[in-house]
C-alpha atoms as a PDB file:
ATOM      1  CA  MET A   1      95.577 216.923 227.258  1.00  0.00           C
ATOM      2  CA  SER A   2      93.922 213.747 228.897  1.00  0.00           C
ATOM      3  CA  GLY A   3      94.293 214.479 232.268  1.00  0.00           C
ATOM      4  CA  HIS A   4      97.123 213.976 234.816  1.00  0.00           C
ATOM      5  CA  THR A   5      98.440 211.720 237.221  1.00  0.00           C
ATOM      6  CA  PRO A   6      96.484 211.782 240.320  1.00  0.00           C
ATOM      7  CA  GLY A   7      98.161 213.084 243.827  1.00  0.00           C
ATOM      8  CA  PRO A   8      99.712 213.015 246.025  1.00  0.00           C
ATOM      9  CA  TRP A   9     103.009 213.631 244.502  1.00  0.00           C
ATOM     10  CA  PHE A  10     106.236 213.380 246.410  1.00  0.00           C
ATOM     11  CA  VAL A  11     109.578 214.923 246.100  1.00  0.00           C
ATOM     12  CA  SER A  12     112.781 212.474 246.521  1.00  0.00           C
ATOM     13  CA  ASP A  13     116.499 213.503 246.194  1.00  0.00           C
ATOM     14  CA  ALA A  14     117.941 211.689 243.287  1.00  0.00           C
ATOM     15  CA  GLY A  15     121.487 212.808 244.011  1.00  0.00           C
ATOM     16  CA  CYS A  16     123.591 215.289 241.976  1.00  0.00           C
ATOM     17  CA  GLY A  17     121.307 217.902 243.053  1.00  0.00           C
ATOM     18  CA  CYS A  18     118.317 216.785 241.045  1.00  0.00           C
ATOM     19  CA  PHE A  19     115.066 215.869 242.579  1.00  0.00           C
ATOM     20  CA  ASP A  20     112.300 213.348 241.299  1.00  0.00           C
ATOM     21  CA  ILE A  21     108.768 214.036 241.386  1.00  0.00           C
ATOM     22  CA  ALA A  22     106.949 210.945 241.811  1.00  0.00           C
ATOM     23  CA  ASP A  23     103.431 209.483 242.762  1.00  0.00           C
ATOM     24  CA  GLY A  24     105.035 206.892 245.005  1.00  0.00           C
ATOM     25  CA  TRP A  25     107.973 207.036 247.883  1.00  0.00           C
ATOM     26  CA  PRO A  26     111.504 205.419 246.919  1.00  0.00           C
ATOM     27  CA  ASN A  27     111.183 201.489 247.381  1.00  0.00           C
ATOM     28  CA  GLU A  28     113.695 199.397 249.327  1.00  0.00           C
ATOM     29  CA  HIS A  29     116.426 200.268 246.626  1.00  0.00           C
ATOM     30  CA  GLY A  30     115.971 203.926 246.814  1.00  0.00           C
ATOM     31  CA  GLU A  31     114.562 204.166 243.228  1.00  0.00           C
ATOM     32  CA  VAL A  32     111.351 206.114 242.765  1.00  0.00           C
ATOM     33  CA  ASP A  33     108.404 204.166 241.383  1.00  0.00           C
ATOM     34  CA  GLY A  34     106.217 206.295 239.087  1.00  0.00           C
ATOM     35  CA  CYS A  35     108.465 209.059 238.400  1.00  0.00           C
ATOM     36  CA  ILE A  36     106.444 211.866 236.817  1.00  0.00           C
ATOM     37  CA  ALA A  37     109.203 214.543 236.395  1.00  0.00           C
ATOM     38  CA  THR A  38     112.665 215.191 237.186  1.00  0.00           C
ATOM     39  CA  VAL A  39     113.954 218.803 238.234  1.00  0.00           C
ATOM     40  CA  TRP A  40     117.592 219.249 237.521  1.00  0.00           C
ATOM     41  CA  GLY A  41     119.761 221.214 239.889  1.00  0.00           C
ATOM     42  CA  ASN A  42     123.224 220.260 238.389  1.00  0.00           C
ATOM     43  CA  ARG A  43     124.489 223.950 237.712  1.00  0.00           C
ATOM     44  CA  PRO A  44     125.168 226.470 240.380  1.00  0.00           C
ATOM     45  CA  THR A  45     122.114 228.561 239.129  1.00  0.00           C
ATOM     46  CA  LEU A  46     119.728 225.872 239.495  1.00  0.00           C
ATOM     47  CA  SER A  47     120.988 223.923 242.378  1.00  0.00           C
ATOM     48  CA  ALA A  48     119.839 226.832 244.773  1.00  0.00           C
ATOM     49  CA  THR A  49     116.199 226.407 243.742  1.00  0.00           C
ATOM     50  CA  ALA A  50     115.755 222.882 242.758  1.00  0.00           C
ATOM     51  CA  HIS A  51     114.239 221.465 245.855  1.00  0.00           C
ATOM     52  CA  GLY A  52     111.859 224.368 245.721  1.00  0.00           C
ATOM     53  CA  ASP A  53     110.895 223.890 242.248  1.00  0.00           C
ATOM     54  CA  ALA A  54     110.337 220.266 242.815  1.00  0.00           C
ATOM     55  CA  ALA A  55     108.028 220.855 245.711  1.00  0.00           C
ATOM     56  CA  LEU A  56     106.421 223.273 243.832  1.00  0.00           C
ATOM     57  CA  ILE A  57     105.331 220.927 241.346  1.00  0.00           C
ATOM     58  CA  ALA A  58     104.788 218.200 243.408  1.00  0.00           C
ATOM     59  CA  SER A  59     101.991 220.173 245.111  1.00  0.00           C
ATOM     60  CA  ALA A  60     100.476 220.706 241.592  1.00  0.00           C
ATOM     61  CA  PRO A  61      97.659 218.191 242.364  1.00  0.00           C
ATOM     62  CA  ASP A  62      96.635 220.056 245.482  1.00  0.00           C
ATOM     63  CA  LEU A  63      96.853 223.471 244.180  1.00  0.00           C
ATOM     64  CA  LEU A  64      94.578 222.430 241.223  1.00  0.00           C
ATOM     65  CA  ALA A  65      91.955 220.984 243.677  1.00  0.00           C
ATOM     66  CA  ALA A  66      92.159 224.470 245.788  1.00  0.00           C
ATOM     67  CA  LEU A  67      91.600 226.288 242.644  1.00  0.00           C
ATOM     68  CA  ARG A  68      88.757 224.196 241.748  1.00  0.00           C
ATOM     69  CA  LEU A  69      87.313 224.990 244.938  1.00  0.00           C
ATOM     70  CA  VAL A  70      87.667 228.710 244.230  1.00  0.00           C
ATOM     71  CA  VAL A  71      86.066 228.287 240.937  1.00  0.00           C
ATOM     72  CA  SER A  72      83.078 227.055 242.693  1.00  0.00           C
ATOM     73  CA  LEU A  73      82.789 229.620 245.435  1.00  0.00           C
ATOM     74  CA  LEU A  74      83.329 232.599 242.627  1.00  0.00           C
ATOM     75  CA  ALA A  75      80.594 230.922 240.649  1.00  0.00           C
ATOM     76  CA  ARG A  76      78.254 231.071 243.520  1.00  0.00           C
ATOM     77  CA  ALA A  77      79.170 234.685 244.225  1.00  0.00           C
ATOM     78  CA  SER A  78      78.695 235.421 240.468  1.00  0.00           C
ATOM     79  CA  TYR A  79      75.268 233.981 240.735  1.00  0.00           C
ATOM     80  CA  THR A  80      74.242 235.494 243.897  1.00  0.00           C
ATOM     81  CA  GLY A  81      76.284 238.873 243.443  1.00  0.00           C
ATOM     82  CA  SER A  82      77.772 238.348 247.076  1.00  0.00           C
ATOM     83  CA  LEU A  83      80.154 236.351 248.809  1.00  0.00           C
ATOM     84  CA  TYR A  84      80.388 236.559 252.616  1.00  0.00           C
ATOM     85  CA  GLY A  85      78.147 239.664 252.135  1.00  0.00           C
ATOM     86  CA  ARG A  86      80.640 241.277 249.923  1.00  0.00           C
ATOM     87  CA  TYR A  87      78.972 243.060 246.971  1.00  0.00           C
ATOM     88  CA  ASP A  88      81.727 245.516 245.949  1.00  0.00           C
ATOM     89  CA  VAL A  89      83.996 242.761 244.095  1.00  0.00           C
ATOM     90  CA  ASP A  90      83.526 242.067 240.114  1.00  0.00           C
ATOM     91  CA  TRP A  91      82.972 238.397 241.041  1.00  0.00           C
ATOM     92  CA  MET A  92      82.407 237.662 237.160  1.00  0.00           C
ATOM     93  CA  ALA A  93      85.807 239.120 236.416  1.00  0.00           C
ATOM     94  CA  MET A  94      87.520 237.428 239.179  1.00  0.00           C
ATOM     95  CA  SER A  95      85.751 234.315 238.215  1.00  0.00           C
ATOM     96  CA  GLU A  96      87.075 234.446 234.560  1.00  0.00           C
ATOM     97  CA  SER A  97      90.477 235.187 235.549  1.00  0.00           C
ATOM     98  CA  VAL A  98      90.647 231.796 237.715  1.00  0.00           C
ATOM     99  CA  LEU A  99      88.899 229.775 235.051  1.00  0.00           C
ATOM    100  CA  ASN A 100      91.513 230.921 232.468  1.00  0.00           C
ATOM    101  CA  VAL A 101      94.526 229.843 235.050  1.00  0.00           C
ATOM    102  CA  LEU A 102      92.633 226.491 235.654  1.00  0.00           C
ATOM    103  CA  HIS A 103      91.898 225.774 231.977  1.00  0.00           C
ATOM    104  CA  GLU A 104      95.572 226.389 231.203  1.00  0.00           C
ATOM    105  CA  ALA A 105      96.523 223.997 233.978  1.00  0.00           C
ATOM    106  CA  GLU A 106      94.070 221.349 232.590  1.00  0.00           C
ATOM    107  CA  GLY A 107      95.619 221.756 228.977  1.00  0.00           C
ATOM    108  CA  LYS A 108      92.196 223.104 227.856  1.00  0.00           C
ATOM    109  CA  VAL A 109      91.860 225.648 225.147  1.00  0.00           C
ATOM    110  CA  LYS A 110      90.680 229.088 226.278  1.00  0.00           C
END
C-alpha cells in the first residue's frame, strides 16, 4: 500500500440508506467530490448501523494520527522504563501491540 487519502474525511447521505465517505463536502448539486468509499445500508440488517459505520471509517485519518502519537509515547516509556511515573507496566509489550495495529492500518507487513 502506498498510503491513503489525507484527512479530514466527511460523511454525507447518499440516499437509499447509503452514506459516502469523502475528502470533500457535497458540491452545489449535492454530489460528493472525492468519494473514498460508500457504506451500503440498503438492507434492514445494515440500515441501523450504516451511518455509524460510515462515521467510524471517516474518523480513520484521525485515529491513525492518534495511534502514531501513542506509539511515540510508548517508545519513550520503553526507553526510559517509565511513563508518568508508572514502572509497573510492560511498555515494550504494549508498544509492540500498538505497532502491530498501526502497521496493519498502514498496510505494512508485520
